[in-house]
Amino acid sequence: MALYYCNLAVIPQEKVDKGDYNQAIYWFNQSLLQGYFLGYHSMGFRYYNGQGVVTDYSKAKSYFQVAANMGYGQAWRMLGRMYREGDENLPKNQEKAVACFKKCYELNEDTPINFIGKLQVEFEQP
């Protein structure tokens, strides 16, 4: 249900301009209350992108971390991205970024190993 409300804009039969993020947030919260990793990951994504909520990287990181601890590779990927980019609440940390991307790769997610190697080389350069 939550993804339906997020994706209303791309459903041709729905003549709307954007998703109904209030409804999506409600359903994502229902999902995470039941302990589903996708609920946590999806709430992290909403806070990361400011979809239906105010952008808050600290909250995004917290939600991604729970989903990652549940074994969801895409959450590890988002954590790696956050550590790679950094912000005022989460300083850049190349070692943590690489570790997160490696974990994503180990879980057979879509982070290619050559990307991880490239990241390590970039971080080692002055």
PDB file of N, CA and C in Angstrom:
ATOM      1  N   MET A   1       0.815  -1.192   0.000  1.00  0.00           N
ATOM      2  CA  MET A   1       0.000   0.000   0.000  1.00  0.00           C
ATOM      3  C   MET A   1       0.862   1.260   0.000  1.00  0.00           C
ATOM      4  N   ALA A   2       1.901   1.243   0.820  1.00  0.00           N
ATOM      5  CA  ALA A   2       2.740   2.436   0.927  1.00  0.00           C
ATOM      6  C   ALA A   2       3.374   2.777  -0.411  1.00  0.00           C
ATOM      7  N   LEU A   3       3.898   1.762  -1.097  1.00  0.00           N
ATOM      8  CA  LEU A   3       4.527   2.021  -2.395  1.00  0.00           C
ATOM      9  C   LEU A   3       3.505   2.509  -3.415  1.00  0.00           C
ATOM     10  N   TYR A   4       2.292   2.027  -3.314  1.00  0.00           N
ATOM     11  CA  TYR A   4       1.227   2.512  -4.193  1.00  0.00           C
ATOM     12  C   TYR A   4       1.067   4.023  -4.023  1.00  0.00           C
ATOM     13  N   TYR A   5       0.972   4.474  -2.781  1.00  0.00           N
ATOM     14  CA  TYR A   5       0.780   5.904  -2.541  1.00  0.00           C
ATOM     15  C   TYR A   5       1.999   6.725  -2.942  1.00  0.00           C
ATOM     16  N   CYS A   6       3.189   6.158  -2.838  1.00  0.00           N
ATOM     17  CA  CYS A   6       4.392   6.877  -3.270  1.00  0.00           C
ATOM     18  C   CYS A   6       4.453   7.007  -4.782  1.00  0.00           C
ATOM     19  N   ASN A   7       3.880   6.031  -5.484  1.00  0.00           N
ATOM     20  CA  ASN A   7       4.028   5.958  -6.932  1.00  0.00           C
ATOM     21  C   ASN A   7       2.787   6.363  -7.706  1.00  0.00           C
ATOM     22  N   LEU A   8       1.860   7.057  -7.090  1.00  0.00           N
ATOM     23  CA  LEU A   8       0.650   7.466  -7.800  1.00  0.00           C
ATOM     24  C   LEU A   8       0.966   8.230  -9.077  1.00  0.00           C
ATOM     25  N   ALA A   9       2.008   9.025  -9.047  1.00  0.00           N
ATOM     26  CA  ALA A   9       2.326   9.863 -10.205  1.00  0.00           C
ATOM     27  C   ALA A   9       2.715   9.048 -11.433  1.00  0.00           C
ATOM     28  N   VAL A  10       3.212   7.836 -11.250  1.00  0.00           N
ATOM     29  CA  VAL A  10       3.647   7.046 -12.398  1.00  0.00           C
ATOM     30  C   VAL A  10       2.613   6.009 -12.820  1.00  0.00           C
ATOM     31  N   ILE A  11       1.481   5.991 -12.147  1.00  0.00           N
ATOM     32  CA  ILE A  11       0.401   5.074 -12.522  1.00  0.00           C
ATOM     33  C   ILE A  11      -0.524   5.821 -13.473  1.00  0.00           C
ATOM     34  N   PRO A  12      -0.546   5.423 -14.770  1.00  0.00           N
ATOM     35  CA  PRO A  12      -1.274   6.189 -15.776  1.00  0.00           C
ATOM     36  C   PRO A  12      -2.747   6.414 -15.457  1.00  0.00           C
ATOM     37  N   GLN A  13      -3.447   5.419 -14.900  1.00  0.00           N
ATOM     38  CA  GLN A  13      -4.869   5.580 -14.654  1.00  0.00           C
ATOM     39  C   GLN A  13      -5.165   6.569 -13.533  1.00  0.00           C
ATOM     40  N   GLU A  14      -4.162   6.898 -12.736  1.00  0.00           N
ATOM     41  CA  GLU A  14      -4.350   7.887 -11.680  1.00  0.00           C
ATOM     42  C   GLU A  14      -3.995   9.263 -12.245  1.00  0.00           C
ATOM     43  N   LYS A  15      -4.919  10.167 -12.246  1.00  0.00           N
ATOM     44  CA  LYS A  15      -4.690  11.504 -12.786  1.00  0.00           C
ATOM     45  C   LYS A  15      -4.287  12.447 -11.652  1.00  0.00           C
ATOM     46  N   VAL A  16      -3.106  12.203 -11.106  1.00  0.00           N
ATOM     47  CA  VAL A  16      -2.611  13.029 -10.010  1.00  0.00           C
ATOM     48  C   VAL A  16      -1.210  13.509 -10.327  1.00  0.00           C
ATOM     49  N   ASP A  17      -0.794  14.606  -9.684  1.00  0.00           N
ATOM     50  CA  ASP A  17       0.517  15.182  -9.935  1.00  0.00           C
ATOM     51  C   ASP A  17       1.626  14.537  -9.125  1.00  0.00           C
ATOM     52  N   LYS A  18       1.298  14.057  -7.925  1.00  0.00           N
ATOM     53  CA  LYS A  18       2.335  13.495  -7.071  1.00  0.00           C
ATOM     54  C   LYS A  18       1.733  12.427  -6.173  1.00  0.00           C
ATOM     55  N   GLY A  19       2.607  11.706  -5.503  1.00  0.00           N
ATOM     56  CA  GLY A  19       2.149  10.672  -4.588  1.00  0.00           C
ATOM     57  C   GLY A  19       1.507  11.264  -3.344  1.00  0.00           C
ATOM     58  N   ASP A  20       0.728  10.449  -2.670  1.00  0.00           N
ATOM     59  CA  ASP A  20       0.121  10.844  -1.413  1.00  0.00           C
ATOM     60  C   ASP A  20       1.043  10.355  -0.300  1.00  0.00           C
ATOM     61  N   TYR A  21       2.034  11.176   0.054  1.00  0.00           N
ATOM     62  CA  TYR A  21       3.058  10.751   0.996  1.00  0.00           C
ATOM     63  C   TYR A  21       2.516  10.581   2.415  1.00  0.00           C
ATOM     64  N   ASN A  22       1.456  11.290   2.763  1.00  0.00           N
ATOM     65  CA  ASN A  22       0.883  11.092   4.093  1.00  0.00           C
ATOM     66  C   ASN A  22       0.376   9.657   4.244  1.00  0.00           C
ATOM     67  N   GLN A  23      -0.313   9.179   3.242  1.00  0.00           N
ATOM     68  CA  GLN A  23      -0.792   7.797   3.274  1.00  0.00           C
ATOM     69  C   GLN A  23       0.372   6.818   3.219  1.00  0.00           C
ATOM     70  N   ALA A  24       1.367   7.129   2.397  1.00  0.00           N
ATOM     71  CA  ALA A  24       2.534   6.250   2.294  1.00  0.00           C
ATOM     72  C   ALA A  24       3.244   6.140   3.638  1.00  0.00           C
ATOM     73  N   ILE A  25       3.449   7.267   4.300  1.00  0.00           N
ATOM     74  CA  ILE A  25       4.114   7.270   5.609  1.00  0.00           C
ATOM     75  C   ILE A  25       3.320   6.430   6.605  1.00  0.00           C
ATOM     76  N   TYR A  26       1.999   6.573   6.584  1.00  0.00           N
ATOM     77  CA  TYR A  26       1.159   5.777   7.475  1.00  0.00           C
ATOM     78  C   TYR A  26       1.415   4.283   7.252  1.00  0.00           C
ATOM     79  N   TRP A  27       1.408   3.850   5.997  1.00  0.00           N
ATOM     80  CA  TRP A  27       1.574   2.420   5.702  1.00  0.00           C
ATOM     81  C   TRP A  27       2.995   1.945   5.957  1.00  0.00           C
ATOM     82  N   PHE A  28       3.990   2.779   5.700  1.00  0.00           N
ATOM     83  CA  PHE A  28       5.369   2.393   6.041  1.00  0.00           C
ATOM     84  C   PHE A  28       5.503   2.208   7.551  1.00  0.00           C
ATOM     85  N   ASN A  29       4.878   3.097   8.311  1.00  0.00           N
ATOM     86  CA  ASN A  29       4.919   2.966   9.768  1.00  0.00           C
ATOM     87  C   ASN A  29       4.236   1.681  10.225  1.00  0.00           C
ATOM     88  N   GLN A  30       3.137   1.321   9.585  1.00  0.00           N
ATOM     89  CA  GLN A  30       2.478   0.060   9.920  1.00  0.00           C
ATOM     90  C   GLN A  30       3.414  -1.116   9.653  1.00  0.00           C
ATOM     91  N   SER A  31       4.150  -1.021   8.557  1.00  0.00           N
ATOM     92  CA  SER A  31       5.087  -2.078   8.192  1.00  0.00           C
ATOM     93  C   SER A  31       6.226  -2.204   9.197  1.00  0.00           C
ATOM     94  N   LEU A  32       6.795  -1.085   9.586  1.00  0.00           N
ATOM     95  CA  LEU A  32       7.924  -1.169  10.520  1.00  0.00           C
ATOM     96  C   LEU A  32       7.471  -1.547  11.923  1.00  0.00           C
ATOM     97  N   LEU A  33       6.250  -1.189  12.289  1.00  0.00           N
ATOM     98  CA  LEU A  33       5.723  -1.617  13.588  1.00  0.00           C
ATOM     99  C   LEU A  33       5.604  -3.143  13.669  1.00  0.00           C
ATOM    100  N   GLN A  34       5.463  -3.770  12.511  1.00  0.00           N
ATOM    101  CA  GLN A  34       5.390  -5.227  12.462  1.00  0.00           C
ATOM    102  C   GLN A  34       6.766  -5.853  12.276  1.00  0.00           C
ATOM    103  N   GLY A  35       7.805  -5.012  12.228  1.00  0.00           N
ATOM    104  CA  GLY A  35       9.171  -5.511  12.172  1.00  0.00           C
ATOM    105  C   GLY A  35       9.693  -5.856  10.788  1.00  0.00           C
ATOM    106  N   TYR A  36       9.067  -5.334   9.742  1.00  0.00           N
ATOM    107  CA  TYR A  36       9.526  -5.624   8.382  1.00  0.00           C
ATOM    108  C   TYR A  36      10.678  -4.692   7.998  1.00  0.00           C
ATOM    109  N   PHE A  37      11.757  -5.281   7.500  1.00  0.00           N
ATOM    110  CA  PHE A  37      12.929  -4.481   7.131  1.00  0.00           C
ATOM    111  C   PHE A  37      12.611  -3.453   6.067  1.00  0.00           C
ATOM    112  N   LEU A  38      11.693  -3.774   5.139  1.00  0.00           N
ATOM    113  CA  LEU A  38      11.364  -2.811   4.089  1.00  0.00           C
ATOM    114  C   LEU A  38      10.674  -1.572   4.652  1.00  0.00           C
ATOM    115  N   GLY A  39       9.943  -1.724   5.741  1.00  0.00           N
ATOM    116  CA  GLY A  39       9.341  -0.564   6.384  1.00  0.00           C
ATOM    117  C   GLY A  39      10.414   0.379   6.902  1.00  0.00           C
ATOM    118  N   TYR A  40      11.424  -0.188   7.552  1.00  0.00           N
ATOM    119  CA  TYR A  40      12.528   0.633   8.072  1.00  0.00           C
ATOM    120  C   TYR A  40      13.305   1.276   6.929  1.00  0.00           C
ATOM    121  N   HIS A  41      13.617   0.475   5.919  1.00  0.00           N
ATOM    122  CA  HIS A  41      14.378   1.014   4.792  1.00  0.00           C
ATOM    123  C   HIS A  41      13.594   2.125   4.096  1.00  0.00           C
ATOM    124  N   SER A  42      12.316   1.889   3.891  1.00  0.00           N
ATOM    125  CA  SER A  42      11.491   2.871   3.190  1.00  0.00           C
ATOM    126  C   SER A  42      11.346   4.161   3.979  1.00  0.00           C
ATOM    127  N   MET A  43      11.217   4.056   5.304  1.00  0.00           N
ATOM    128  CA  MET A  43      11.169   5.280   6.117  1.00  0.00           C
ATOM    129  C   MET A  43      12.510   6.013   6.057  1.00  0.00           C
ATOM    130  N   GLY A  44      13.598   5.264   6.067  1.00  0.00           N
ATOM    131  CA  GLY A  44      14.910   5.891   5.910  1.00  0.00           C
ATOM    132  C   GLY A  44      15.005   6.649   4.598  1.00  0.00           C
ATOM    133  N   PHE A  45      14.501   6.034   3.548  1.00  0.00           N
ATOM    134  CA  PHE A  45      14.528   6.656   2.229  1.00  0.00           C
ATOM    135  C   PHE A  45      13.696   7.936   2.216  1.00  0.00           C
ATOM    136  N   ARG A  46      12.533   7.911   2.877  1.00  0.00           N
ATOM    137  CA  ARG A  46      11.688   9.116   2.931  1.00  0.00           C
ATOM    138  C   ARG A  46      12.433  10.247   3.642  1.00  0.00           C
ATOM    139  N   TYR A  47      13.072   9.944   4.775  1.00  0.00           N
ATOM    140  CA  TYR A  47      13.812  10.990   5.496  1.00  0.00           C
ATOM    141  C   TYR A  47      15.047  11.433   4.716  1.00  0.00           C
ATOM    142  N   TYR A  48      15.669  10.531   3.993  1.00  0.00           N
ATOM    143  CA  TYR A  48      16.843  10.880   3.197  1.00  0.00           C
ATOM    144  C   TYR A  48      16.471  11.857   2.079  1.00  0.00           C
ATOM    145  N   ASN A  49      15.311  11.617   1.448  1.00  0.00           N
ATOM    146  CA  ASN A  49      14.882  12.433   0.313  1.00  0.00           C
ATOM    147  C   ASN A  49      13.860  13.510   0.664  1.00  0.00           C
ATOM    148  N   GLY A  50      13.385  13.531   1.897  1.00  0.00           N
ATOM    149  CA  GLY A  50      12.377  14.518   2.271  1.00  0.00           C
ATOM    150  C   GLY A  50      11.047  14.296   1.573  1.00  0.00           C
ATOM    151  N   GLN A  51      10.641  13.052   1.438  1.00  0.00           N
ATOM    152  CA  GLN A  51       9.370  12.732   0.790  1.00  0.00           C
ATOM    153  C   GLN A  51       8.289  12.497   1.847  1.00  0.00           C
ATOM    154  N   GLY A  52       7.440  13.489   2.038  1.00  0.00           N
ATOM    155  CA  GLY A  52       6.372  13.388   3.015  1.00  0.00           C
ATOM    156  C   GLY A  52       6.804  13.752   4.424  1.00  0.00           C
ATOM    157  N   VAL A  53       8.087  13.967   4.609  1.00  0.00           N
ATOM    158  CA  VAL A  53       8.657  14.372   5.898  1.00  0.00           C
ATOM    159  C   VAL A  53       9.760  15.389   5.605  1.00  0.00           C
ATOM    160  N   VAL A  54      10.201  16.083   6.644  1.00  0.00           N
ATOM    161  CA  VAL A  54      11.329  17.006   6.488  1.00  0.00           C
ATOM    162  C   VAL A  54      12.608  16.174   6.381  1.00  0.00           C
ATOM    163  N   THR A  55      13.470  16.520   5.443  1.00  0.00           N
ATOM    164  CA  THR A  55      14.734  15.805   5.293  1.00  0.00           C
ATOM    165  C   THR A  55      15.482  15.787   6.618  1.00  0.00           C
ATOM    166  N   ASP A  56      15.890  14.600   7.036  1.00  0.00           N
ATOM    167  CA  ASP A  56      16.600  14.453   8.309  1.00  0.00           C
ATOM    168  C   ASP A  56      17.535  13.256   8.176  1.00  0.00           C
ATOM    169  N   TYR A  57      18.823  13.533   7.922  1.00  0.00           N
ATOM    170  CA  TYR A  57      19.775  12.455   7.693  1.00  0.00           C
ATOM    171  C   TYR A  57      20.025  11.610   8.940  1.00  0.00           C
ATOM    172  N   SER A  58      19.875  12.204  10.107  1.00  0.00           N
ATOM    173  CA  SER A  58      20.052  11.424  11.338  1.00  0.00           C
ATOM    174  C   SER A  58      18.970  10.358  11.454  1.00  0.00           C
ATOM    175  N   LYS A  59      17.726  10.747  11.191  1.00  0.00           N
ATOM    176  CA  LYS A  59      16.628   9.769  11.222  1.00  0.00           C
ATOM    177  C   LYS A  59      16.784   8.763  10.099  1.00  0.00           C
ATOM    178  N   ALA A  60      17.185   9.236   8.927  1.00  0.00           N
ATOM    179  CA  ALA A  60      17.382   8.326   7.803  1.00  0.00           C
ATOM    180  C   ALA A  60      18.413   7.266   8.162  1.00  0.00           C
ATOM    181  N   LYS A  61      19.531   7.702   8.719  1.00  0.00           N
ATOM    182  CA  LYS A  61      20.584   6.766   9.107  1.00  0.00           C
ATOM    183  C   LYS A  61      20.071   5.749  10.119  1.00  0.00           C
ATOM    184  N   SER A  62      19.289   6.205  11.085  1.00  0.00           N
ATOM    185  CA  SER A  62      18.757   5.297  12.103  1.00  0.00           C
ATOM    186  C   SER A  62      17.868   4.223  11.478  1.00  0.00           C
ATOM    187  N   TYR A  63      16.988   4.635  10.593  1.00  0.00           N
ATOM    188  CA  TYR A  63      16.112   3.660   9.928  1.00  0.00           C
ATOM    189  C   TYR A  63      16.910   2.710   9.037  1.00  0.00           C
ATOM    190  N   PHE A  64      17.851   3.261   8.268  1.00  0.00           N
ATOM    191  CA  PHE A  64      18.679   2.398   7.409  1.00  0.00           C
ATOM    192  C   PHE A  64      19.473   1.406   8.253  1.00  0.00           C
ATOM    193  N   GLN A  65      19.972   1.853   9.396  1.00  0.00           N
ATOM    194  CA  GLN A  65      20.782   0.978  10.242  1.00  0.00           C
ATOM    195  C   GLN A  65      19.959  -0.211  10.751  1.00  0.00           C
ATOM    196  N   VAL A  66      18.714   0.031  11.134  1.00  0.00           N
ATOM    197  CA  VAL A  66      17.857  -1.070  11.593  1.00  0.00           C
ATOM    198  C   VAL A  66      17.641  -2.065  10.456  1.00  0.00           C
ATOM    199  N   ALA A  67      17.319  -1.560   9.265  1.00  0.00           N
ATOM    200  CA  ALA A  67      17.094  -2.450   8.117  1.00  0.00           C
ATOM    201  C   ALA A  67      18.375  -3.204   7.763  1.00  0.00           C
ATOM    202  N   ALA A  68      19.515  -2.527   7.844  1.00  0.00           N
ATOM    203  CA  ALA A  68      20.801  -3.172   7.556  1.00  0.00           C
ATOM    204  C   ALA A  68      21.078  -4.282   8.562  1.00  0.00           C
ATOM    205  N   ASN A  69      20.818  -4.004   9.832  1.00  0.00           N
ATOM    206  CA  ASN A  69      21.036  -5.008  10.867  1.00  0.00           C
ATOM    207  C   ASN A  69      20.119  -6.216  10.692  1.00  0.00           C
ATOM    208  N   MET A  70      19.017  -6.018   9.967  1.00  0.00           N
ATOM    209  CA  MET A  70      18.107  -7.117   9.672  1.00  0.00           C
ATOM    210  C   MET A  70      18.563  -7.891   8.427  1.00  0.00           C
ATOM    211  N   GLY A  71      19.677  -7.445   7.822  1.00  0.00           N
ATOM    212  CA  GLY A  71      20.240  -8.154   6.678  1.00  0.00           C
ATOM    213  C   GLY A  71      19.831  -7.650   5.310  1.00  0.00           C
ATOM    214  N   TYR A  72      19.303  -6.440   5.229  1.00  0.00           N
ATOM    215  CA  TYR A  72      18.877  -5.902   3.938  1.00  0.00           C
ATOM    216  C   TYR A  72      20.020  -5.136   3.283  1.00  0.00           C
ATOM    217  N   GLY A  73      20.507  -5.666   2.179  1.00  0.00           N
ATOM    218  CA  GLY A  73      21.668  -5.110   1.494  1.00  0.00           C
ATOM    219  C   GLY A  73      21.500  -3.689   1.013  1.00  0.00           C
ATOM    220  N   GLN A  74      20.314  -3.338   0.535  1.00  0.00           N
ATOM    221  CA  GLN A  74      20.111  -1.981   0.036  1.00  0.00           C
ATOM    222  C   GLN A  74      20.236  -0.945   1.156  1.00  0.00           C
ATOM    223  N   ALA A  75      19.922  -1.344   2.366  1.00  0.00           N
ATOM    224  CA  ALA A  75      20.115  -0.435   3.498  1.00  0.00           C
ATOM    225  C   ALA A  75      21.600  -0.213   3.734  1.00  0.00           C
ATOM    226  N   TRP A  76      22.399  -1.285   3.598  1.00  0.00           N
ATOM    227  CA  TRP A  76      23.863  -1.126   3.703  1.00  0.00           C
ATOM    228  C   TRP A  76      24.358  -0.181   2.618  1.00  0.00           C
ATOM    229  N   ARG A  77      23.796  -0.302   1.433  1.00  0.00           N
ATOM    230  CA  ARG A  77      24.195   0.560   0.315  1.00  0.00           C
ATOM    231  C   ARG A  77      23.898   2.027   0.625  1.00  0.00           C
ATOM    232  N   MET A  78      22.703   2.294   1.183  1.00  0.00           N
ATOM    233  CA  MET A  78      22.354   3.671   1.518  1.00  0.00           C
ATOM    234  C   MET A  78      23.237   4.209   2.642  1.00  0.00           C
ATOM    235  N   LEU A  79      23.563   3.370   3.620  1.00  0.00           N
ATOM    236  CA  LEU A  79      24.478   3.803   4.680  1.00  0.00           C
ATOM    237  C   LEU A  79      25.841   4.148   4.095  1.00  0.00           C
ATOM    238  N   GLY A  80      26.311   3.321   3.171  1.00  0.00           N
ATOM    239  CA  GLY A  80      27.580   3.605   2.507  1.00  0.00           C
ATOM    240  C   GLY A  80      27.538   4.926   1.765  1.00  0.00           C
ATOM    241  N   ARG A  81      26.438   5.160   1.096  1.00  0.00           N
ATOM    242  CA  ARG A  81      26.272   6.424   0.365  1.00  0.00           C
ATOM    243  C   ARG A  81      26.306   7.610   1.334  1.00  0.00           C
ATOM    244  N   MET A  82      25.632   7.457   2.477  1.00  0.00           N
ATOM    245  CA  MET A  82      25.604   8.547   3.446  1.00  0.00           C
ATOM    246  C   MET A  82      26.999   8.809   4.011  1.00  0.00           C
ATOM    247  N   TYR A  83      27.744   7.744   4.308  1.00  0.00           N
ATOM    248  CA  TYR A  83      29.112   7.929   4.814  1.00  0.00           C
ATOM    249  C   TYR A  83      30.023   8.502   3.733  1.00  0.00           C
ATOM    250  N   ARG A  84      29.786   8.132   2.485  1.00  0.00           N
ATOM    251  CA  ARG A  84      30.598   8.653   1.391  1.00  0.00           C
ATOM    252  C   ARG A  84      30.360  10.145   1.196  1.00  0.00           C
ATOM    253  N   GLU A  85      29.096  10.572   1.262  1.00  0.00           N
ATOM    254  CA  GLU A  85      28.755  11.971   1.008  1.00  0.00           C
ATOM    255  C   GLU A  85      28.918  12.846   2.245  1.00  0.00           C
ATOM    256  N   GLY A  86      28.538  12.333   3.408  1.00  0.00           N
ATOM    257  CA  GLY A  86      28.624  13.092   4.648  1.00  0.00           C
ATOM    258  C   GLY A  86      27.680  14.279   4.680  1.00  0.00           C
ATOM    259  N   ASP A  87      27.446  14.799   5.865  1.00  0.00           N
ATOM    260  CA  ASP A  87      26.703  16.042   6.073  1.00  0.00           C
ATOM    261  C   ASP A  87      27.062  16.566   7.460  1.00  0.00           C
ATOM    262  N   GLU A  88      26.375  17.601   7.917  1.00  0.00           N
ATOM    263  CA  GLU A  88      26.742  18.208   9.195  1.00  0.00           C
ATOM    264  C   GLU A  88      26.538  17.270  10.388  1.00  0.00           C
ATOM    265  N   ASN A  89      25.633  16.313  10.267  1.00  0.00           N
ATOM    266  CA  ASN A  89      25.375  15.370  11.355  1.00  0.00           C
ATOM    267  C   ASN A  89      26.113  14.043  11.202  1.00  0.00           C
ATOM    268  N   LEU A  90      26.603  13.785  10.022  1.00  0.00           N
ATOM    269  CA  LEU A  90      27.276  12.524   9.744  1.00  0.00           C
ATOM    270  C   LEU A  90      28.506  12.832   8.888  1.00  0.00           C
ATOM    271  N   PRO A  91      29.647  13.025   9.536  1.00  0.00           N
ATOM    272  CA  PRO A  91      30.851  13.370   8.777  1.00  0.00           C
ATOM    273  C   PRO A  91      31.224  12.263   7.785  1.00  0.00           C
ATOM    274  N   LYS A  92      31.873  12.680   6.713  1.00  0.00           N
ATOM    275  CA  LYS A  92      32.367  11.697   5.748  1.00  0.00           C
ATOM    276  C   LYS A  92      33.276  10.712   6.461  1.00  0.00           C
ATOM    277  N   ASN A  93      33.113   9.450   6.096  1.00  0.00           N
ATOM    278  CA  ASN A  93      33.967   8.420   6.665  1.00  0.00           C
ATOM    279  C   ASN A  93      34.161   7.358   5.590  1.00  0.00           C
ATOM    280  N   GLN A  94      35.289   7.464   4.894  1.00  0.00           N
ATOM    281  CA  GLN A  94      35.553   6.583   3.776  1.00  0.00           C
ATOM    282  C   GLN A  94      35.620   5.122   4.188  1.00  0.00           C
ATOM    283  N   GLU A  95      36.242   4.839   5.311  1.00  0.00           N
ATOM    284  CA  GLU A  95      36.373   3.451   5.755  1.00  0.00           C
ATOM    285  C   GLU A  95      35.011   2.834   6.025  1.00  0.00           C
ATOM    286  N   LYS A  96      34.134   3.587   6.688  1.00  0.00           N
ATOM    287  CA  LYS A  96      32.789   3.074   6.950  1.00  0.00           C
ATOM    288  C   LYS A  96      31.993   2.931   5.660  1.00  0.00           C
ATOM    289  N   ALA A  97      32.186   3.870   4.734  1.00  0.00           N
ATOM    290  CA  ALA A  97      31.486   3.789   3.449  1.00  0.00           C
ATOM    291  C   ALA A  97      31.875   2.514   2.720  1.00  0.00           C
ATOM    292  N   VAL A  98      33.166   2.257   2.626  1.00  0.00           N
ATOM    293  CA  VAL A  98      33.636   1.048   1.943  1.00  0.00           C
ATOM    294  C   VAL A  98      33.126  -0.199   2.650  1.00  0.00           C
ATOM    295  N   ALA A  99      33.158  -0.206   3.984  1.00  0.00           N
ATOM    296  CA  ALA A  99      32.681  -1.367   4.747  1.00  0.00           C
ATOM    297  C   ALA A  99      31.194  -1.620   4.465  1.00  0.00           C
ATOM    298  N   CYS A 100      30.402  -0.557   4.387  1.00  0.00           N
ATOM    299  CA  CYS A 100      28.969  -0.706   4.105  1.00  0.00           C
ATOM    300  C   CYS A 100      28.744  -1.239   2.691  1.00  0.00           C
ATOM    301  N   PHE A 101      29.481  -0.696   1.720  1.00  0.00           N
ATOM    302  CA  PHE A 101      29.331  -1.177   0.343  1.00  0.00           C
ATOM    303  C   PHE A 101      29.763  -2.633   0.228  1.00  0.00           C
ATOM    304  N   LYS A 102      30.804  -3.014   0.952  1.00  0.00           N
ATOM    305  CA  LYS A 102      31.242  -4.419   0.946  1.00  0.00           C
ATOM    306  C   LYS A 102      30.156  -5.325   1.518  1.00  0.00           C
ATOM    307  N   LYS A 103      29.525  -4.883   2.595  1.00  0.00           N
ATOM    308  CA  LYS A 103      28.451  -5.674   3.198  1.00  0.00           C
ATOM    309  C   LYS A 103      27.304  -5.839   2.219  1.00  0.00           C
ATOM    310  N   CYS A 104      26.981  -4.777   1.510  1.00  0.00           N
ATOM    311  CA  CYS A 104      25.937  -4.838   0.487  1.00  0.00           C
ATOM    312  C   CYS A 104      26.318  -5.865  -0.573  1.00  0.00           C
ATOM    313  N   TYR A 105      27.560  -5.816  -1.024  1.00  0.00           N
ATOM    314  CA  TYR A 105      28.035  -6.761  -2.031  1.00  0.00           C
ATOM    315  C   TYR A 105      27.976  -8.201  -1.516  1.00  0.00           C
ATOM    316  N   GLU A 106      28.382  -8.406  -0.270  1.00  0.00           N
ATOM    317  CA  GLU A 106      28.365  -9.747   0.321  1.00  0.00           C
ATOM    318  C   GLU A 106      26.953 -10.313   0.389  1.00  0.00           C
ATOM    319  N   LEU A 107      25.975  -9.451   0.483  1.00  0.00           N
ATOM    320  CA  LEU A 107      24.576  -9.881   0.531  1.00  0.00           C
ATOM    321  C   LEU A 107      23.986 -10.027  -0.874  1.00  0.00           C
ATOM    322  N   ASN A 108      24.873 -10.028  -1.889  1.00  0.00           N
ATOM    323  CA  ASN A 108      24.470 -10.216  -3.291  1.00  0.00           C
ATOM    324  C   ASN A 108      23.547  -9.119  -3.797  1.00  0.00           C
ATOM    325  N   GLU A 109      23.775  -7.927  -3.328  1.00  0.00           N
ATOM    326  CA  GLU A 109      22.990  -6.801  -3.815  1.00  0.00           C
ATOM    327  C   GLU A 109      23.707  -6.179  -5.007  1.00  0.00           C
ATOM    328  N   ASP A 110      23.228  -5.034  -5.478  1.00  0.00           N
ATOM    329  CA  ASP A 110      23.701  -4.495  -6.755  1.00  0.00           C
ATOM    330  C   ASP A 110      24.895  -3.549  -6.674  1.00  0.00           C
ATOM    331  N   THR A 111      25.734  -3.688  -5.670  1.00  0.00           N
ATOM    332  CA  THR A 111      26.957  -2.891  -5.610  1.00  0.00           C
ATOM    333  C   THR A 111      28.080  -3.718  -6.241  1.00  0.00           C
ATOM    334  N   PRO A 112      28.530  -3.349  -7.442  1.00  0.00           N
ATOM    335  CA  PRO A 112      29.582  -4.130  -8.086  1.00  0.00           C
ATOM    336  C   PRO A 112      30.918  -4.000  -7.353  1.00  0.00           C
ATOM    337  N   ILE A 113      31.677  -5.073  -7.347  1.00  0.00           N
ATOM    338  CA  ILE A 113      32.952  -5.102  -6.627  1.00  0.00           C
ATOM    339  C   ILE A 113      33.930  -4.082  -7.194  1.00  0.00           C
ATOM    340  N   ASN A 114      33.892  -3.807  -8.499  1.00  0.00           N
ATOM    341  CA  ASN A 114      34.816  -2.816  -9.059  1.00  0.00           C
ATOM    342  C   ASN A 114      34.499  -1.412  -8.546  1.00  0.00           C
ATOM    343  N   PHE A 115      33.238  -1.160  -8.184  1.00  0.00           N
ATOM    344  CA  PHE A 115      32.861   0.122  -7.580  1.00  0.00           C
ATOM    345  C   PHE A 115      33.520   0.270  -6.217  1.00  0.00           C
ATOM    346  N   ILE A 116      33.532  -0.803  -5.449  1.00  0.00           N
ATOM    347  CA  ILE A 116      34.156  -0.778  -4.125  1.00  0.00           C
ATOM    348  C   ILE A 116      35.653  -0.521  -4.257  1.00  0.00           C
ATOM    349  N   GLY A 117      36.295  -1.192  -5.204  1.00  0.00           N
ATOM    350  CA  GLY A 117      37.720  -0.974  -5.439  1.00  0.00           C
ATOM    351  C   GLY A 117      38.017   0.450  -5.845  1.00  0.00           C
ATOM    352  N   LYS A 118      37.194   1.012  -6.715  1.00  0.00           N
ATOM    353  CA  LYS A 118      37.364   2.401  -7.156  1.00  0.00           C
ATOM    354  C   LYS A 118      37.246   3.349  -5.964  1.00  0.00           C
ATOM    355  N   LEU A 119      36.278   3.089  -5.097  1.00  0.00           N
ATOM    356  CA  LEU A 119      36.089   3.914  -3.903  1.00  0.00           C
ATOM    357  C   LEU A 119      37.334   3.865  -3.016  1.00  0.00           C
ATOM    358  N   GLN A 120      37.883   2.686  -2.823  1.00  0.00           N
ATOM    359  CA  GLN A 120      39.068   2.552  -1.977  1.00  0.00           C
ATOM    360  C   GLN A 120      40.234   3.342  -2.554  1.00  0.00           C
ATOM    361  N   VAL A 121      40.416   3.296  -3.866  1.00  0.00           N
ATOM    362  CA  VAL A 121      41.503   4.031  -4.508  1.00  0.00           C
ATOM    363  C   VAL A 121      41.284   5.530  -4.355  1.00  0.00           C
ATOM    364  N   GLU A 122      40.029   6.000  -4.562  1.00  0.00           N
ATOM    365  CA  GLU A 122      39.744   7.423  -4.404  1.00  0.00           C
ATOM    366  C   GLU A 122      40.037   7.903  -2.992  1.00  0.00           C
ATOM    367  N   PHE A 123      39.704   7.101  -2.008  1.00  0.00           N
ATOM    368  CA  PHE A 123      39.881   7.496  -0.629  1.00  0.00           C
ATOM    369  C   PHE A 123      41.351   7.494  -0.221  1.00  0.00           C
ATOM    370  N   GLU A 124      42.146   6.689  -0.866  1.00  0.00           N
ATOM    371  CA  GLU A 124      43.566   6.605  -0.498  1.00  0.00           C
ATOM    372  C   GLU A 124      44.382   7.734  -1.113  1.00  0.00           C
ATOM    373  N   GLN A 125      43.840   8.393  -2.134  1.00  0.00           N
ATOM    374  CA  GLN A 125      44.568   9.494  -2.771  1.00  0.00           C
ATOM    375  C   GLN A 125      44.484  10.743  -1.899  1.00  0.00           C
ATOM    376  N   PRO A 126      45.557  11.568  -1.932  1.00  0.00           N
ATOM    377  CA  PRO A 126      45.551  12.790  -1.113  1.00  0.00           C
ATOM    378  C   PRO A 126      44.540  13.813  -1.576  1.00  0.00           C
TER     379      PRO A 126
END
